[in-house]
């Protein structure tokens, strides 16, 4: 039984470029060089790799560059295998299915100042955003790049560094900068974003805890440990489109229950940070445990990999 097919776009690898120690920049394009589905600055795509793995990466290029998707991949020897496959097994001309782009920076005329804080390879989504904002000339922005010594994607950041748009902080020389100082005072006209190692994003979250949620954008490399609810109770998932009902056992994830029921769900991080398994909900009261949906989005969507239910029945748009 299938609720819906997982939509992917056929692309081919047209370029592979070394972009720093252990980092490759991959360019994906339509086989016939047609325009690809549009995306917002810093959006994500899921790569459906030839070995069956699905992994999520941020787009480095800007939306105006609409005939290709460019991603930066850091090889993680101790990772879950996706980056190793992209480094060691994928070559020019290989076919890779990718999801429709999702997420990214929402255009907002009310924002007059952007401040981005990136740790190492976490610069990738903000490179796309910086290029877009510089082209649009509608707001001021600064990207603070925190590295130990080497600057990733140096060839692509060089011009932005020269123009003062990117400020590099080398911790091997000066230690880690104070994040509160970097982001400055909060306000409705300022949007701040962070992507980097867990310790950095945790600190950034604390620094911006009092800011309006809509003005803080955080992306994580690694999903936090799963939340174990000792009081979890079983509930029923009702799939509105098919009329199917699926029982979720106490302590079982919604994703696992759906997969047991034969429902195809796109997954990647399985920890509520990538957005691959976003599903609409129609009735009931979900328990949101993700780190990616905005308060507005939570009124309509949930992440089945980590979400639970406060009601005995939850109706999904499947």
Protein backbone atom coordinates (compact mmCIF):
# COMPACT_ATOMS: atom_id res chain seq x y z
CA UNK A 1 0.00 0.00 0.00
CA UNK A 2 1.38 3.40 -0.96
CA UNK A 3 0.01 6.74 0.16
CA UNK A 4 1.78 8.75 -2.52
CA UNK A 5 4.89 8.46 -4.66
CA UNK A 6 8.03 10.21 -3.47
CA UNK A 7 8.70 12.95 -6.02
CA UNK A 8 12.25 13.20 -7.32
CA UNK A 9 13.88 15.11 -10.14
CA UNK A 10 16.40 13.33 -12.36
CA UNK A 11 19.77 15.07 -12.37
CA UNK A 12 23.25 14.22 -13.56
CA UNK A 13 26.54 15.16 -11.94
CA UNK A 14 28.16 17.74 -14.23
CA UNK A 15 30.93 18.98 -11.97
CA UNK A 16 33.04 17.88 -9.01
CA UNK A 17 35.42 20.40 -7.46
CA UNK A 18 37.76 20.23 -4.48
CA UNK A 19 36.70 22.99 -2.07
CA UNK A 20 38.90 22.48 0.97
CA UNK A 21 40.27 19.64 3.05
CA UNK A 22 37.84 16.73 2.75
CA UNK A 23 35.24 18.88 0.95
CA UNK A 24 33.86 18.41 -2.54
CA UNK A 25 31.55 20.75 -4.41
CA UNK A 26 29.12 18.82 -6.61
CA UNK A 27 27.09 20.36 -9.42
CA UNK A 28 23.85 18.66 -10.49
CA UNK A 29 21.92 19.58 -13.62
CA UNK A 30 18.99 18.41 -15.72
CA UNK A 31 20.19 15.82 -18.28
CA UNK A 32 19.00 18.11 -21.10
CA UNK A 33 20.13 21.29 -19.32
CA UNK A 34 16.60 22.58 -18.72
CA UNK A 35 15.90 24.84 -15.76
CA UNK A 36 15.48 22.99 -12.47
CA UNK A 37 12.58 23.49 -10.04
CA UNK A 38 12.96 26.89 -8.32
CA UNK A 39 14.28 27.27 -4.79
CA UNK A 40 14.70 29.84 -2.06
CA UNK A 41 18.15 30.99 -0.91
CA UNK A 42 19.72 28.30 1.27
CA UNK A 43 17.06 25.69 0.49
CA UNK A 44 17.69 21.96 0.97
CA UNK A 45 17.42 18.99 -1.35
CA UNK A 46 17.41 15.28 -0.58
CA UNK A 47 19.78 13.21 -2.69
CA UNK A 48 18.56 9.68 -3.43
CA UNK A 49 21.93 8.02 -3.85
CA UNK A 50 22.59 5.00 -6.08
CA UNK A 51 23.27 2.85 -2.99
CA UNK A 52 19.78 3.54 -1.64
CA UNK A 53 20.72 6.13 0.97
CA UNK A 54 18.86 9.44 1.15
CA UNK A 55 20.80 12.43 2.44
CA UNK A 56 19.96 16.12 2.81
CA UNK A 57 22.24 18.97 1.69
CA UNK A 58 21.92 22.74 1.50
CA UNK A 59 22.13 24.45 -1.87
CA UNK A 60 25.16 26.74 -2.17
CA UNK A 61 24.14 28.59 -5.30
CA UNK A 62 21.54 31.33 -5.49
CA UNK A 63 18.03 31.01 -6.98
CA UNK A 64 18.94 33.10 -10.02
CA UNK A 65 21.40 30.34 -10.94
CA UNK A 66 18.48 28.12 -11.93
CA UNK A 67 19.97 25.53 -14.28
CA UNK A 68 21.92 23.68 -11.59
CA UNK A 69 21.98 22.64 -7.96
CA UNK A 70 25.33 23.04 -6.19
CA UNK A 71 26.06 21.29 -2.90
CA UNK A 72 29.14 21.06 -0.68
CA UNK A 73 29.86 17.67 0.89
CA UNK A 74 32.34 17.16 3.69
CA UNK A 75 33.57 13.60 3.91
CA UNK A 76 32.69 12.21 7.34
CA UNK A 77 34.65 8.99 7.85
CA UNK A 78 32.57 8.11 10.92
CA UNK A 79 29.25 9.28 9.48
CA UNK A 80 26.29 7.24 8.26
CA UNK A 81 27.75 6.61 4.80
CA UNK A 82 26.20 9.29 2.61
CA UNK A 83 29.20 11.60 2.42
CA UNK A 84 31.57 8.69 1.85
CA UNK A 85 29.44 7.51 -1.05
CA UNK A 86 29.40 10.97 -2.63
CA UNK A 87 33.17 11.29 -2.26
CA UNK A 88 34.22 7.77 -3.20
CA UNK A 89 31.54 6.34 -5.49
CA UNK A 90 29.87 9.19 -7.41
CA UNK A 91 31.47 10.61 -10.55
CA UNK A 92 30.79 12.91 -13.50
CA UNK A 93 27.81 11.72 -15.52
CA UNK A 94 26.23 9.71 -12.70
CA UNK A 95 22.47 10.03 -12.33
CA UNK A 96 21.08 11.13 -8.95
CA UNK A 97 17.45 11.67 -8.09
CA UNK A 98 16.82 14.74 -5.95
CA UNK A 99 13.75 15.94 -4.09
CA UNK A 100 12.00 19.19 -4.80
CA UNK A 101 13.84 21.95 -2.89
CA UNK A 102 12.34 22.96 0.45
CA UNK A 103 13.02 25.51 3.17
CA UNK A 104 15.43 28.37 2.82
CA UNK A 105 15.20 32.08 3.42
CA UNK A 106 11.72 33.56 3.14
CA UNK A 107 11.80 36.98 1.41
CA UNK A 108 10.60 39.60 3.88
CA UNK A 109 10.58 43.28 3.07
CA UNK A 110 10.41 44.11 6.79
CA UNK A 111 13.90 42.73 7.44
CA UNK A 112 16.59 45.36 7.04
CA UNK A 113 19.53 43.51 8.63
CA UNK A 114 20.68 39.91 8.44
CA UNK A 115 23.40 38.39 10.61
CA UNK A 116 24.54 34.84 9.89
CA UNK A 117 26.89 32.78 12.06
CA UNK A 118 28.43 29.68 10.49
CA UNK A 119 30.82 27.08 11.79
CA UNK A 120 33.05 25.49 9.14
CA UNK A 121 31.06 23.66 6.47
CA UNK A 122 27.92 25.16 8.04
CA UNK A 123 28.59 28.13 5.77
CA UNK A 124 26.89 26.36 2.83
CA UNK A 125 23.28 27.60 3.23
CA UNK A 126 24.46 31.11 4.08
CA UNK A 127 26.64 31.32 0.98
CA UNK A 128 23.47 31.02 -1.08
CA UNK A 129 21.68 33.57 1.10
CA UNK A 130 24.60 36.01 0.97
CA UNK A 131 24.80 35.88 -2.81
CA UNK A 132 21.05 36.43 -3.08
CA UNK A 133 21.01 39.36 -0.65
CA UNK A 134 23.98 41.01 -2.34
CA UNK A 135 22.23 40.75 -5.70
CA UNK A 136 18.91 42.04 -4.32
CA UNK A 137 20.52 45.02 -2.54
CA UNK A 138 17.49 45.27 -0.26
CA UNK A 139 19.08 44.71 3.15
CA UNK A 140 22.37 44.79 4.99
CA UNK A 141 23.95 41.47 5.91
CA UNK A 142 27.06 40.10 7.59
CA UNK A 143 28.18 36.49 7.60
CA UNK A 144 30.46 35.54 10.48
CA UNK A 145 32.42 32.41 9.58
CA UNK A 146 34.03 30.64 12.53
CA UNK A 147 36.78 28.19 11.62
CA UNK A 148 39.78 26.70 13.37
CA UNK A 149 42.15 27.81 10.61
CA UNK A 150 41.24 26.80 7.03
CA UNK A 151 38.34 28.54 5.29
CA UNK A 152 36.06 26.06 3.48
CA UNK A 153 34.89 26.99 -0.04
CA UNK A 154 37.57 29.69 0.00
CA UNK A 155 37.44 30.28 -3.76
CA UNK A 156 33.71 31.00 -3.53
CA UNK A 157 33.89 33.15 -0.40
CA UNK A 158 36.92 35.22 -1.43
CA UNK A 159 35.06 38.10 -3.07
CA UNK A 160 32.57 38.33 -0.20
CA UNK A 161 35.47 38.40 2.30
CA UNK A 162 37.20 41.17 0.34
CA UNK A 163 34.02 43.26 0.37
CA UNK A 164 33.59 42.80 4.13
CA UNK A 165 30.39 40.81 3.76
CA UNK A 166 32.04 37.73 5.29
CA UNK A 167 34.09 38.10 8.46
CA UNK A 168 36.37 35.16 9.23
CA UNK A 169 37.10 34.28 12.87
CA UNK A 170 39.98 31.80 13.28
CA UNK A 171 39.72 30.17 16.69
CA UNK A 172 43.30 28.85 16.48
CA UNK A 173 44.46 32.47 16.73
CA UNK A 174 41.84 34.38 18.67
CA UNK A 175 39.54 31.80 20.29
CA UNK A 176 35.83 31.60 19.59
CA UNK A 177 34.09 34.98 19.40
CA UNK A 178 31.22 35.90 21.71
CA UNK A 179 28.03 35.04 19.84
CA UNK A 180 25.94 37.67 21.61
CA UNK A 181 28.35 40.34 20.38
CA UNK A 182 28.18 39.02 16.82
CA UNK A 183 24.39 39.05 16.55
CA UNK A 184 23.87 42.33 18.41
CA UNK A 185 20.53 43.59 19.62
CA UNK A 186 17.35 41.85 18.55
CA UNK A 187 14.44 43.54 16.87
CA UNK A 188 11.66 42.99 14.40
CA UNK A 189 13.82 44.25 11.52
CA UNK A 190 16.76 41.90 12.19
CA UNK A 191 16.96 38.22 11.22
CA UNK A 192 19.76 36.01 12.51
CA UNK A 193 20.79 32.54 11.45
CA UNK A 194 23.23 29.88 12.59
CA UNK A 195 24.51 26.58 11.22
CA UNK A 196 27.41 24.66 12.67
CA UNK A 197 28.53 22.16 15.28
CA UNK A 198 26.15 21.22 18.08
CA UNK A 199 27.89 23.27 20.78
CA UNK A 200 27.75 26.41 18.65
CA UNK A 201 24.10 26.02 17.72
CA UNK A 202 23.17 25.29 21.34
CA UNK A 203 24.91 28.50 22.44
CA UNK A 204 23.29 30.45 19.63
CA UNK A 205 19.90 29.13 20.68
CA UNK A 206 20.50 30.39 24.24
CA UNK A 207 21.72 33.79 23.03
CA UNK A 208 18.61 34.30 20.89
CA UNK A 209 16.08 32.65 23.24
CA UNK A 210 14.26 35.94 23.84
CA UNK A 211 14.12 36.88 20.16
CA UNK A 212 10.90 36.44 18.14
CA UNK A 213 10.93 32.88 16.80
CA UNK A 214 10.31 34.11 13.24
CA UNK A 215 13.55 36.12 13.37
CA UNK A 216 15.83 33.20 14.31
CA UNK A 217 16.90 30.56 11.80
CA UNK A 218 18.93 27.58 13.09
CA UNK A 219 20.19 24.59 11.12
CA UNK A 220 21.92 21.60 12.68
CA UNK A 221 24.41 19.04 11.38
CA UNK A 222 23.32 16.24 13.69
CA UNK A 223 19.89 15.41 15.05
CA UNK A 224 19.56 15.62 18.85
CA UNK A 225 19.02 12.37 20.78
CA UNK A 226 15.45 11.07 20.49
CA UNK A 227 13.01 12.19 23.16
CA UNK A 228 11.80 9.25 25.24
CA UNK A 229 8.38 9.91 26.72
CA UNK A 230 7.77 7.48 29.60
CA UNK A 231 4.08 8.42 29.59
CA UNK A 232 3.55 7.83 25.87
CA UNK A 233 0.27 6.14 25.02
CA UNK A 234 -0.81 4.33 21.86
CA UNK A 235 -2.82 6.30 19.32
CA UNK A 236 -4.40 5.89 15.91
CA UNK A 237 -3.25 7.53 12.69
CA UNK A 238 -6.07 8.10 10.23
CA UNK A 239 -4.93 8.69 6.65
CA UNK A 240 -7.42 11.09 5.10
CA UNK A 241 -6.77 10.32 1.44
CA UNK A 242 -6.86 6.53 1.63
CA UNK A 243 -9.08 6.02 4.67
CA UNK A 244 -6.47 3.72 6.19
CA UNK A 245 -6.06 3.59 9.95
CA UNK A 246 -2.71 2.68 11.49
CA UNK A 247 -2.05 1.94 15.14
CA UNK A 248 1.00 3.55 16.76
CA UNK A 249 2.19 1.56 19.76
CA UNK A 250 3.28 3.27 22.98
CA UNK A 251 6.89 4.34 22.48
CA UNK A 252 6.82 3.65 18.73
CA UNK A 253 7.59 6.47 16.31
CA UNK A 254 4.93 7.63 13.89
CA UNK A 255 7.41 7.01 11.07
CA UNK A 256 7.98 3.39 12.09
CA UNK A 257 4.23 2.75 12.31
CA UNK A 258 3.64 4.23 8.85
CA UNK A 259 6.46 2.19 7.35
CA UNK A 260 5.11 -0.98 8.98
CA UNK A 261 1.81 -0.16 7.31
CA UNK A 262 3.48 -0.01 3.90
CA UNK A 263 3.34 3.78 3.53
CA UNK A 264 6.21 5.33 1.56
CA UNK A 265 7.69 8.25 3.49
CA UNK A 266 10.81 10.13 2.43
CA UNK A 267 13.36 10.17 5.26
CA UNK A 268 16.89 11.41 5.80
CA UNK A 269 17.96 12.55 9.28
CA UNK A 270 15.23 10.71 11.24
CA UNK A 271 15.76 13.27 13.98
CA UNK A 272 13.58 16.27 13.12
CA UNK A 273 16.21 18.57 11.63
CA UNK A 274 16.07 18.10 7.85
CA UNK A 275 12.39 18.33 6.88
CA UNK A 276 12.34 15.35 4.53
CA UNK A 277 9.38 13.64 6.24
CA UNK A 278 7.09 16.68 6.58
CA UNK A 279 3.44 15.65 6.39
CA UNK A 280 0.28 17.71 6.73
CA UNK A 281 -2.06 17.05 9.66
CA UNK A 282 -5.79 17.82 9.64
CA UNK A 283 -7.31 16.82 12.99
CA UNK A 284 -6.10 15.95 16.48
CA UNK A 285 -3.27 17.48 18.48
CA UNK A 286 0.28 16.56 17.47
CA UNK A 287 3.26 16.80 19.79
CA UNK A 288 6.01 18.57 17.86
CA UNK A 289 9.59 17.59 18.69
CA UNK A 290 11.35 18.79 15.54
CA UNK A 291 13.88 21.60 15.29
CA UNK A 292 12.86 22.97 11.91
CA UNK A 293 9.17 23.90 11.63
CA UNK A 294 8.10 27.44 12.45
CA UNK A 295 5.14 28.03 14.80
CA UNK A 296 3.03 28.88 11.74
CA UNK A 297 4.05 25.68 9.93
CA UNK A 298 3.25 23.58 12.99
CA UNK A 299 -0.36 24.59 12.64
CA UNK A 300 -0.47 22.57 9.41
CA UNK A 301 2.49 20.19 9.34
CA UNK A 302 4.48 17.78 11.48
CA UNK A 303 7.61 15.67 11.13
CA UNK A 304 6.62 12.03 11.38
CA UNK A 305 10.12 10.93 12.44
CA UNK A 306 9.81 12.63 15.84
CA UNK A 307 6.23 13.87 16.28
CA UNK A 308 3.77 12.29 18.70
CA UNK A 309 0.11 12.81 19.53
CA UNK A 310 -1.73 14.26 22.51
CA UNK A 311 -5.00 12.82 21.24
CA UNK A 312 -6.15 9.25 20.68
CA UNK A 313 -6.63 9.91 16.96
CA UNK A 314 -4.55 12.03 14.61
CA UNK A 315 -5.61 12.63 11.01
CA UNK A 316 -2.83 13.03 8.46
CA UNK A 317 -3.04 14.39 4.92
CA UNK A 318 -1.95 11.07 3.42
